[in-house]
Amino acid sequence: MIEYITKIVAQLGSPDSLNIPRNQANSAALNDILGVVYFVAGVACVIAIIIGGFYYVASNGDSGRIAKGKNILLYAVIGLVVVGMAFAITQFVIGRIQG
């Protein structure tokens, strides 16, 4: 099956002969875009942590508001961890591609 696919791809020719457009973006532009995305996601997580803390502190013993505050805090921290791991993974991949 793989040999068949390889033969078909080989018969297609090069991307230049098929007039397939090339992407002109470089890794610096990708780093800038990802940096903005990660910054916005980080700020959103910090704001969610502040809001969750406010719900938790201002609950006045109401178990529903305490649970809501804890859930907001939990999900915001999980989101912050996911953003941090996504940053680390993309930086690792971009570093491997560049060098």
PDB file of N, CA and C in Angstrom:
ATOM      1  N   MET A   1       0.824  -1.186   0.000  1.00  0.00           N
ATOM      2  CA  MET A   1       0.000   0.000   0.000  1.00  0.00           C
ATOM      3  C   MET A   1       0.875   1.259   0.000  1.00  0.00           C
ATOM      4  N   ILE A   2       1.909   1.280   0.846  1.00  0.00           N
ATOM      5  CA  ILE A   2       2.797   2.442   0.913  1.00  0.00           C
ATOM      6  C   ILE A   2       3.549   2.609  -0.402  1.00  0.00           C
ATOM      7  N   GLU A   3       3.931   1.505  -1.011  1.00  0.00           N
ATOM      8  CA  GLU A   3       4.638   1.583  -2.293  1.00  0.00           C
ATOM      9  C   GLU A   3       3.753   2.185  -3.365  1.00  0.00           C
ATOM     10  N   TYR A   4       2.482   1.850  -3.349  1.00  0.00           N
ATOM     11  CA  TYR A   4       1.529   2.390  -4.311  1.00  0.00           C
ATOM     12  C   TYR A   4       1.384   3.901  -4.143  1.00  0.00           C
ATOM     13  N   ILE A   5       1.269   4.347  -2.891  1.00  0.00           N
ATOM     14  CA  ILE A   5       1.149   5.781  -2.607  1.00  0.00           C
ATOM     15  C   ILE A   5       2.422   6.505  -3.024  1.00  0.00           C
ATOM     16  N   THR A   6       3.572   5.900  -2.769  1.00  0.00           N
ATOM     17  CA  THR A   6       4.850   6.496  -3.153  1.00  0.00           C
ATOM     18  C   THR A   6       4.939   6.675  -4.658  1.00  0.00           C
ATOM     19  N   LYS A   7       4.476   5.697  -5.423  1.00  0.00           N
ATOM     20  CA  LYS A   7       4.494   5.794  -6.888  1.00  0.00           C
ATOM     21  C   LYS A   7       3.590   6.918  -7.376  1.00  0.00           C
ATOM     22  N   ILE A   8       2.414   7.053  -6.758  1.00  0.00           N
ATOM     23  CA  ILE A   8       1.489   8.110  -7.170  1.00  0.00           C
ATOM     24  C   ILE A   8       2.074   9.484  -6.874  1.00  0.00           C
ATOM     25  N   VAL A   9       2.652   9.640  -5.692  1.00  0.00           N
ATOM     26  CA  VAL A   9       3.254  10.926  -5.318  1.00  0.00           C
ATOM     27  C   VAL A   9       4.434  11.255  -6.221  1.00  0.00           C
ATOM     28  N   ALA A  10       5.220  10.262  -6.582  1.00  0.00           N
ATOM     29  CA  ALA A  10       6.376  10.487  -7.452  1.00  0.00           C
ATOM     30  C   ALA A  10       5.936  10.934  -8.840  1.00  0.00           C
ATOM     31  N   GLN A  11       4.791  10.469  -9.308  1.00  0.00           N
ATOM     32  CA  GLN A  11       4.306  10.845 -10.632  1.00  0.00           C
ATOM     33  C   GLN A  11       3.732  12.252 -10.664  1.00  0.00           C
ATOM     34  N   LEU A  12       3.362  12.781  -9.518  1.00  0.00           N
ATOM     35  CA  LEU A  12       2.782  14.119  -9.478  1.00  0.00           C
ATOM     36  C   LEU A  12       3.785  15.197  -9.862  1.00  0.00           C
ATOM     37  N   GLY A  13       5.022  15.033  -9.471  1.00  0.00           N
ATOM     38  CA  GLY A  13       6.042  16.022  -9.778  1.00  0.00           C
ATOM     39  C   GLY A  13       6.337  16.907  -8.587  1.00  0.00           C
ATOM     40  N   SER A  14       7.145  17.906  -8.816  1.00  0.00           N
ATOM     41  CA  SER A  14       7.539  18.803  -7.731  1.00  0.00           C
ATOM     42  C   SER A  14       6.447  19.837  -7.483  1.00  0.00           C
ATOM     43  N   PRO A  15       6.432  20.432  -6.318  1.00  0.00           N
ATOM     44  CA  PRO A  15       5.428  21.463  -6.029  1.00  0.00           C
ATOM     45  C   PRO A  15       5.525  22.654  -6.977  1.00  0.00           C
ATOM     46  N   ASP A  16       6.738  22.984  -7.433  1.00  0.00           N
ATOM     47  CA  ASP A  16       6.900  24.111  -8.349  1.00  0.00           C
ATOM     48  C   ASP A  16       6.252  23.828  -9.698  1.00  0.00           C
ATOM     49  N   SER A  17       6.390  22.604 -10.192  1.00  0.00           N
ATOM     50  CA  SER A  17       5.795  22.272 -11.489  1.00  0.00           C
ATOM     51  C   SER A  17       4.274  22.203 -11.427  1.00  0.00           C
ATOM     52  N   LEU A  18       3.725  21.984 -10.254  1.00  0.00           N
ATOM     53  CA  LEU A  18       2.273  21.921 -10.085  1.00  0.00           C
ATOM     54  C   LEU A  18       1.673  23.263  -9.697  1.00  0.00           C
ATOM     55  N   ASN A  19       2.498  24.303  -9.581  1.00  0.00           N
ATOM     56  CA  ASN A  19       2.068  25.646  -9.178  1.00  0.00           C
ATOM     57  C   ASN A  19       1.393  25.654  -7.810  1.00  0.00           C
ATOM     58  N   ILE A  20       1.933  24.881  -6.892  1.00  0.00           N
ATOM     59  CA  ILE A  20       1.432  24.880  -5.518  1.00  0.00           C
ATOM     60  C   ILE A  20       2.087  26.051  -4.792  1.00  0.00           C
ATOM     61  N   PRO A  21       1.280  26.935  -4.188  1.00  0.00           N
ATOM     62  CA  PRO A  21       1.880  28.101  -3.524  1.00  0.00           C
ATOM     63  C   PRO A  21       2.689  27.686  -2.298  1.00  0.00           C
ATOM     64  N   ARG A  22       3.718  28.461  -2.041  1.00  0.00           N
ATOM     65  CA  ARG A  22       4.563  28.205  -0.880  1.00  0.00           C
ATOM     66  C   ARG A  22       4.258  29.232   0.203  1.00  0.00           C
ATOM     67  N   ASN A  23       4.438  28.815   1.441  1.00  0.00           N
ATOM     68  CA  ASN A  23       4.225  29.701   2.569  1.00  0.00           C
ATOM     69  C   ASN A  23       5.482  30.525   2.787  1.00  0.00           C
ATOM     70  N   GLN A  24       5.334  31.833   2.837  1.00  0.00           N
ATOM     71  CA  GLN A  24       6.482  32.720   3.000  1.00  0.00           C
ATOM     72  C   GLN A  24       6.756  33.085   4.450  1.00  0.00           C
ATOM     73  N   ALA A  25       5.938  32.575   5.377  1.00  0.00           N
ATOM     74  CA  ALA A  25       6.122  32.903   6.790  1.00  0.00           C
ATOM     75  C   ALA A  25       7.381  32.224   7.318  1.00  0.00           C
ATOM     76  N   ASN A  26       8.098  32.934   8.150  1.00  0.00           N
ATOM     77  CA  ASN A  26       9.297  32.349   8.745  1.00  0.00           C
ATOM     78  C   ASN A  26       9.034  32.021  10.214  1.00  0.00           C
ATOM     79  N   SER A  27      10.001  31.420  10.845  1.00  0.00           N
ATOM     80  CA  SER A  27       9.806  30.988  12.231  1.00  0.00           C
ATOM     81  C   SER A  27       9.708  32.167  13.194  1.00  0.00           C
ATOM     82  N   ALA A  28      10.288  33.302  12.851  1.00  0.00           N
ATOM     83  CA  ALA A  28      10.184  34.477  13.727  1.00  0.00           C
ATOM     84  C   ALA A  28       8.739  34.955  13.787  1.00  0.00           C
ATOM     85  N   ALA A  29       8.056  34.945  12.655  1.00  0.00           N
ATOM     86  CA  ALA A  29       6.643  35.346  12.640  1.00  0.00           C
ATOM     87  C   ALA A  29       5.811  34.356  13.445  1.00  0.00           C
ATOM     88  N   LEU A  30       6.110  33.078  13.299  1.00  0.00           N
ATOM     89  CA  LEU A  30       5.386  32.056  14.054  1.00  0.00           C
ATOM     90  C   LEU A  30       5.613  32.229  15.553  1.00  0.00           C
ATOM     91  N   ASN A  31       6.849  32.512  15.949  1.00  0.00           N
ATOM     92  CA  ASN A  31       7.150  32.761  17.363  1.00  0.00           C
ATOM     93  C   ASN A  31       6.388  33.975  17.885  1.00  0.00           C
ATOM     94  N   ASP A  32       6.298  35.024  17.077  1.00  0.00           N
ATOM     95  CA  ASP A  32       5.571  36.232  17.494  1.00  0.00           C
ATOM     96  C   ASP A  32       4.083  35.946  17.677  1.00  0.00           C
ATOM     97  N   ILE A  33       3.502  35.230  16.728  1.00  0.00           N
ATOM     98  CA  ILE A  33       2.075  34.908  16.810  1.00  0.00           C
ATOM     99  C   ILE A  33       1.796  34.033  18.019  1.00  0.00           C
ATOM    100  N   LEU A  34       2.593  32.995  18.196  1.00  0.00           N
ATOM    101  CA  LEU A  34       2.400  32.103  19.337  1.00  0.00           C
ATOM    102  C   LEU A  34       2.620  32.836  20.661  1.00  0.00           C
ATOM    103  N   GLY A  35       3.573  33.747  20.683  1.00  0.00           N
ATOM    104  CA  GLY A  35       3.815  34.523  21.899  1.00  0.00           C
ATOM    105  C   GLY A  35       2.605  35.348  22.296  1.00  0.00           C
ATOM    106  N   VAL A  36       1.963  35.965  21.317  1.00  0.00           N
ATOM    107  CA  VAL A  36       0.762  36.753  21.601  1.00  0.00           C
ATOM    108  C   VAL A  36      -0.361  35.844  22.092  1.00  0.00           C
ATOM    109  N   VAL A  37      -0.537  34.694  21.435  1.00  0.00           N
ATOM    110  CA  VAL A  37      -1.596  33.760  21.836  1.00  0.00           C
ATOM    111  C   VAL A  37      -1.368  33.273  23.262  1.00  0.00           C
ATOM    112  N   TYR A  38      -0.133  32.900  23.584  1.00  0.00           N
ATOM    113  CA  TYR A  38       0.157  32.406  24.930  1.00  0.00           C
ATOM    114  C   TYR A  38       0.021  33.508  25.967  1.00  0.00           C
ATOM    115  N   PHE A  39       0.376  34.725  25.619  1.00  0.00           N
ATOM    116  CA  PHE A  39       0.231  35.839  26.546  1.00  0.00           C
ATOM    117  C   PHE A  39      -1.243  36.083  26.862  1.00  0.00           C
ATOM    118  N   VAL A  40      -2.078  36.110  25.828  1.00  0.00           N
ATOM    119  CA  VAL A  40      -3.510  36.342  26.026  1.00  0.00           C
ATOM    120  C   VAL A  40      -4.117  35.211  26.861  1.00  0.00           C
ATOM    121  N   ALA A  41      -3.733  33.967  26.562  1.00  0.00           N
ATOM    122  CA  ALA A  41      -4.254  32.831  27.334  1.00  0.00           C
ATOM    123  C   ALA A  41      -3.792  32.905  28.786  1.00  0.00           C
ATOM    124  N   GLY A  42      -2.557  33.300  29.016  1.00  0.00           N
ATOM    125  CA  GLY A  42      -2.053  33.440  30.383  1.00  0.00           C
ATOM    126  C   GLY A  42      -2.772  34.530  31.151  1.00  0.00           C
ATOM    127  N   VAL A  43      -3.009  35.651  30.500  1.00  0.00           N
ATOM    128  CA  VAL A  43      -3.738  36.743  31.146  1.00  0.00           C
ATOM    129  C   VAL A  43      -5.161  36.303  31.477  1.00  0.00           C
ATOM    130  N   ALA A  44      -5.807  35.570  30.554  1.00  0.00           N
ATOM    131  CA  ALA A  44      -7.159  35.074  30.814  1.00  0.00           C
ATOM    132  C   ALA A  44      -7.168  34.125  32.006  1.00  0.00           C
ATOM    133  N   CYS A  45      -6.153  33.288  32.131  1.00  0.00           N
ATOM    134  CA  CYS A  45      -6.074  32.369  33.271  1.00  0.00           C
ATOM    135  C   CYS A  45      -5.885  33.127  34.578  1.00  0.00           C
ATOM    136  N   VAL A  46      -5.039  34.133  34.568  1.00  0.00           N
ATOM    137  CA  VAL A  46      -4.816  34.916  35.789  1.00  0.00           C
ATOM    138  C   VAL A  46      -6.090  35.661  36.189  1.00  0.00           C
ATOM    139  N   ILE A  47      -6.795  36.209  35.218  1.00  0.00           N
ATOM    140  CA  ILE A  47      -8.066  36.884  35.523  1.00  0.00           C
ATOM    141  C   ILE A  47      -9.067  35.887  36.097  1.00  0.00           C
ATOM    142  N   ALA A  48      -9.115  34.670  35.521  1.00  0.00           N
ATOM    143  CA  ALA A  48     -10.024  33.645  36.037  1.00  0.00           C
ATOM    144  C   ALA A  48      -9.647  33.251  37.465  1.00  0.00           C
ATOM    145  N   ILE A  49      -8.364  33.199  37.777  1.00  0.00           N
ATOM    146  CA  ILE A  49      -7.926  32.884  39.136  1.00  0.00           C
ATOM    147  C   ILE A  49      -8.377  33.975  40.103  1.00  0.00           C
ATOM    148  N   ILE A  50      -8.263  35.219  39.690  1.00  0.00           N
ATOM    149  CA  ILE A  50      -8.712  36.335  40.540  1.00  0.00           C
ATOM    150  C   ILE A  50     -10.217  36.258  40.761  1.00  0.00           C
ATOM    151  N   ILE A  51     -10.977  36.000  39.701  1.00  0.00           N
ATOM    152  CA  ILE A  51     -12.431  35.900  39.828  1.00  0.00           C
ATOM    153  C   ILE A  51     -12.814  34.717  40.713  1.00  0.00           C
ATOM    154  N   GLY A  52     -12.164  33.575  40.520  1.00  0.00           N
ATOM    155  CA  GLY A  52     -12.442  32.408  41.355  1.00  0.00           C
ATOM    156  C   GLY A  52     -12.122  32.661  42.813  1.00  0.00           C
ATOM    157  N   GLY A  53     -11.021  33.355  43.069  1.00  0.00           N
ATOM    158  CA  GLY A  53     -10.677  33.713  44.442  1.00  0.00           C
ATOM    159  C   GLY A  53     -11.698  34.652  45.054  1.00  0.00           C
ATOM    160  N   PHE A  54     -12.190  35.581  44.255  1.00  0.00           N
ATOM    161  CA  PHE A  54     -13.224  36.490  44.746  1.00  0.00           C
ATOM    162  C   PHE A  54     -14.495  35.727  45.103  1.00  0.00           C
ATOM    163  N   TYR A  55     -14.921  34.814  44.224  1.00  0.00           N
ATOM    164  CA  TYR A  55     -16.107  33.997  44.536  1.00  0.00           C
ATOM    165  C   TYR A  55     -15.894  33.202  45.824  1.00  0.00           C
ATOM    166  N   TYR A  56     -14.705  32.639  45.983  1.00  0.00           N
ATOM    167  CA  TYR A  56     -14.426  31.807  47.149  1.00  0.00           C
ATOM    168  C   TYR A  56     -14.435  32.631  48.437  1.00  0.00           C
ATOM    169  N   VAL A  57     -13.795  33.795  48.410  1.00  0.00           N
ATOM    170  CA  VAL A  57     -13.692  34.629  49.607  1.00  0.00           C
ATOM    171  C   VAL A  57     -15.032  35.269  49.946  1.00  0.00           C
ATOM    172  N   ALA A  58     -15.797  35.676  48.928  1.00  0.00           N
ATOM    173  CA  ALA A  58     -17.050  36.380  49.159  1.00  0.00           C
ATOM    174  C   ALA A  58     -18.249  35.438  49.224  1.00  0.00           C
ATOM    175  N   SER A  59     -18.018  34.170  49.475  1.00  0.00           N
ATOM    176  CA  SER A  59     -19.122  33.205  49.467  1.00  0.00           C
ATOM    177  C   SER A  59     -20.005  33.299  50.708  1.00  0.00           C
ATOM    178  N   ASN A  60     -19.480  33.789  51.804  1.00  0.00           N
ATOM    179  CA  ASN A  60     -20.222  33.908  53.071  1.00  0.00           C
ATOM    180  C   ASN A  60     -20.833  32.586  53.510  1.00  0.00           C
ATOM    181  N   GLY A  61     -20.114  31.513  53.290  1.00  0.00           N
ATOM    182  CA  GLY A  61     -20.585  30.204  53.746  1.00  0.00           C
ATOM    183  C   GLY A  61     -21.565  29.517  52.818  1.00  0.00           C
ATOM    184  N   ASP A  62     -21.926  30.147  51.705  1.00  0.00           N
ATOM    185  CA  ASP A  62     -22.840  29.535  50.735  1.00  0.00           C
ATOM    186  C   ASP A  62     -22.098  28.434  49.986  1.00  0.00           C
ATOM    187  N   SER A  63     -22.549  27.197  50.160  1.00  0.00           N
ATOM    188  CA  SER A  63     -21.814  26.063  49.589  1.00  0.00           C
ATOM    189  C   SER A  63     -21.802  26.100  48.061  1.00  0.00           C
ATOM    190  N   GLY A  64     -22.838  26.653  47.454  1.00  0.00           N
ATOM    191  CA  GLY A  64     -22.867  26.752  45.988  1.00  0.00           C
ATOM    192  C   GLY A  64     -21.804  27.694  45.463  1.00  0.00           C
ATOM    193  N   ARG A  65     -21.647  28.839  46.136  1.00  0.00           N
ATOM    194  CA  ARG A  65     -20.626  29.812  45.696  1.00  0.00           C
ATOM    195  C   ARG A  65     -19.221  29.324  46.017  1.00  0.00           C
ATOM    196  N   ILE A  66     -19.076  28.589  47.119  1.00  0.00           N
ATOM    197  CA  ILE A  66     -17.764  28.009  47.439  1.00  0.00           C
ATOM    198  C   ILE A  66     -17.370  27.014  46.361  1.00  0.00           C
ATOM    199  N   ALA A  67     -18.300  26.161  45.969  1.00  0.00           N
ATOM    200  CA  ALA A  67     -18.017  25.169  44.920  1.00  0.00           C
ATOM    201  C   ALA A  67     -17.720  25.860  43.596  1.00  0.00           C
ATOM    202  N   LYS A  68     -18.466  26.921  43.285  1.00  0.00           N
ATOM    203  CA  LYS A  68     -18.230  27.659  42.048  1.00  0.00           C
ATOM    204  C   LYS A  68     -16.834  28.290  42.051  1.00  0.00           C
ATOM    205  N   GLY A  69     -16.461  28.900  43.170  1.00  0.00           N
ATOM    206  CA  GLY A  69     -15.132  29.497  43.280  1.00  0.00           C
ATOM    207  C   GLY A  69     -14.029  28.465  43.155  1.00  0.00           C
ATOM    208  N   LYS A  70     -14.208  27.305  43.813  1.00  0.00           N
ATOM    209  CA  LYS A  70     -13.203  26.249  43.717  1.00  0.00           C
ATOM    210  C   LYS A  70     -13.085  25.725  42.292  1.00  0.00           C
ATOM    211  N   ASN A  71     -14.217  25.562  41.626  1.00  0.00           N
ATOM    212  CA  ASN A  71     -14.181  25.070  40.250  1.00  0.00           C
ATOM    213  C   ASN A  71     -13.495  26.059  39.315  1.00  0.00           C
ATOM    214  N   ILE A  72     -13.789  27.343  39.486  1.00  0.00           N
ATOM    215  CA  ILE A  72     -13.125  28.357  38.662  1.00  0.00           C
ATOM    216  C   ILE A  72     -11.627  28.323  38.903  1.00  0.00           C
ATOM    217  N   LEU A  73     -11.220  28.250  40.167  1.00  0.00           N
ATOM    218  CA  LEU A  73      -9.793  28.186  40.484  1.00  0.00           C
ATOM    219  C   LEU A  73      -9.144  26.941  39.893  1.00  0.00           C
ATOM    220  N   LEU A  74      -9.808  25.803  40.047  1.00  0.00           N
ATOM    221  CA  LEU A  74      -9.255  24.550  39.541  1.00  0.00           C
ATOM    222  C   LEU A  74      -9.075  24.595  38.032  1.00  0.00           C
ATOM    223  N   TYR A  75     -10.113  25.014  37.319  1.00  0.00           N
ATOM    224  CA  TYR A  75     -10.035  25.032  35.864  1.00  0.00           C
ATOM    225  C   TYR A  75      -9.071  26.095  35.354  1.00  0.00           C
ATOM    226  N   ALA A  76      -8.952  27.203  36.059  1.00  0.00           N
ATOM    227  CA  ALA A  76      -7.999  28.240  35.652  1.00  0.00           C
ATOM    228  C   ALA A  76      -6.563  27.746  35.832  1.00  0.00           C
ATOM    229  N   VAL A  77      -6.294  27.055  36.918  1.00  0.00           N
ATOM    230  CA  VAL A  77      -4.946  26.522  37.134  1.00  0.00           C
ATOM    231  C   VAL A  77      -4.636  25.429  36.107  1.00  0.00           C
ATOM    232  N   ILE A  78      -5.611  24.575  35.828  1.00  0.00           N
ATOM    233  CA  ILE A  78      -5.412  23.556  34.787  1.00  0.00           C
ATOM    234  C   ILE A  78      -5.147  24.228  33.446  1.00  0.00           C
ATOM    235  N   GLY A  79      -5.894  25.270  33.130  1.00  0.00           N
ATOM    236  CA  GLY A  79      -5.674  26.014  31.888  1.00  0.00           C
ATOM    237  C   GLY A  79      -4.292  26.631  31.829  1.00  0.00           C
ATOM    238  N   LEU A  80      -3.835  27.162  32.954  1.00  0.00           N
ATOM    239  CA  LEU A  80      -2.494  27.750  33.001  1.00  0.00           C
ATOM    240  C   LEU A  80      -1.419  26.695  32.786  1.00  0.00           C
ATOM    241  N   VAL A  81      -1.615  25.510  33.348  1.00  0.00           N
ATOM    242  CA  VAL A  81      -0.666  24.413  33.140  1.00  0.00           C
ATOM    243  C   VAL A  81      -0.671  23.983  31.672  1.00  0.00           C
ATOM    244  N   VAL A  82      -1.855  23.890  31.070  1.00  0.00           N
ATOM    245  CA  VAL A  82      -1.947  23.502  29.660  1.00  0.00           C
ATOM    246  C   VAL A  82      -1.263  24.535  28.771  1.00  0.00           C
ATOM    247  N   VAL A  83      -1.470  25.804  29.048  1.00  0.00           N
ATOM    248  CA  VAL A  83      -0.813  26.858  28.270  1.00  0.00           C
ATOM    249  C   VAL A  83       0.698  26.764  28.425  1.00  0.00           C
ATOM    250  N   GLY A  84       1.169  26.542  29.643  1.00  0.00           N
ATOM    251  CA  GLY A  84       2.614  26.407  29.864  1.00  0.00           C
ATOM    252  C   GLY A  84       3.196  25.205  29.140  1.00  0.00           C
ATOM    253  N   MET A  85       2.489  24.094  29.164  1.00  0.00           N
ATOM    254  CA  MET A  85       2.984  22.903  28.462  1.00  0.00           C
ATOM    255  C   MET A  85       2.941  23.099  26.951  1.00  0.00           C
ATOM    256  N   ALA A  86       1.895  23.760  26.446  1.00  0.00           N
ATOM    257  CA  ALA A  86       1.815  24.038  25.017  1.00  0.00           C
ATOM    258  C   ALA A  86       2.971  24.940  24.587  1.00  0.00           C
ATOM    259  N   PHE A  87       3.292  25.924  25.410  1.00  0.00           N
ATOM    260  CA  PHE A  87       4.427  26.796  25.116  1.00  0.00           C
ATOM    261  C   PHE A  87       5.723  25.988  25.053  1.00  0.00           C
ATOM    262  N   ALA A  88       5.929  25.121  26.039  1.00  0.00           N
ATOM    263  CA  ALA A  88       7.160  24.329  26.072  1.00  0.00           C
ATOM    264  C   ALA A  88       7.246  23.393  24.869  1.00  0.00           C
ATOM    265  N   ILE A  89       6.147  22.761  24.522  1.00  0.00           N
ATOM    266  CA  ILE A  89       6.153  21.822  23.398  1.00  0.00           C
ATOM    267  C   ILE A  89       6.407  22.552  22.082  1.00  0.00           C
ATOM    268  N   THR A  90       5.720  23.671  21.864  1.00  0.00           N
ATOM    269  CA  THR A  90       5.923  24.381  20.600  1.00  0.00           C
ATOM    270  C   THR A  90       7.329  24.971  20.507  1.00  0.00           C
ATOM    271  N   GLN A  91       7.870  25.454  21.601  1.00  0.00           N
ATOM    272  CA  GLN A  91       9.245  25.963  21.560  1.00  0.00           C
ATOM    273  C   GLN A  91      10.235  24.839  21.274  1.00  0.00           C
ATOM    274  N   PHE A  92       9.980  23.662  21.819  1.00  0.00           N
ATOM    275  CA  PHE A  92      10.842  22.506  21.558  1.00  0.00           C
ATOM    276  C   PHE A  92      10.787  22.120  20.084  1.00  0.00           C
ATOM    277  N   VAL A  93       9.577  22.064  19.545  1.00  0.00           N
ATOM    278  CA  VAL A  93       9.419  21.670  18.138  1.00  0.00           C
ATOM    279  C   VAL A  93      10.035  22.720  17.215  1.00  0.00           C
ATOM    280  N   ILE A  94       9.782  23.983  17.475  1.00  0.00           N
ATOM    281  CA  ILE A  94      10.347  25.052  16.627  1.00  0.00           C
ATOM    282  C   ILE A  94      11.869  25.032  16.729  1.00  0.00           C
ATOM    283  N   GLY A  95      12.393  24.801  17.927  1.00  0.00           N
ATOM    284  CA  GLY A  95      13.848  24.728  18.087  1.00  0.00           C
ATOM    285  C   GLY A  95      14.458  23.573  17.306  1.00  0.00           C
ATOM    286  N   ARG A  96      13.762  22.430  17.287  1.00  0.00           N
ATOM    287  CA  ARG A  96      14.253  21.276  16.523  1.00  0.00           C
ATOM    288  C   ARG A  96      14.174  21.508  15.025  1.00  0.00           C
ATOM    289  N   ILE A  97      13.142  22.233  14.577  1.00  0.00           N
ATOM    290  CA  ILE A  97      13.001  22.497  13.143  1.00  0.00           C
ATOM    291  C   ILE A  97      14.073  23.480  12.680  1.00  0.00           C
ATOM    292  N   GLN A  98      14.356  24.491  13.490  1.00  0.00           N
ATOM    293  CA  GLN A  98      15.331  25.514  13.105  1.00  0.00           C
ATOM    294  C   GLN A  98      16.752  24.976  13.116  1.00  0.00           C
ATOM    295  N   GLY A  99      17.065  24.126  14.068  1.00  0.00           N
ATOM    296  CA  GLY A  99      18.454  23.723  14.177  1.00  0.00           C
ATOM    297  C   GLY A  99      18.590  22.321  14.223  1.00  0.00           C
TER     298      GLY A  99
END
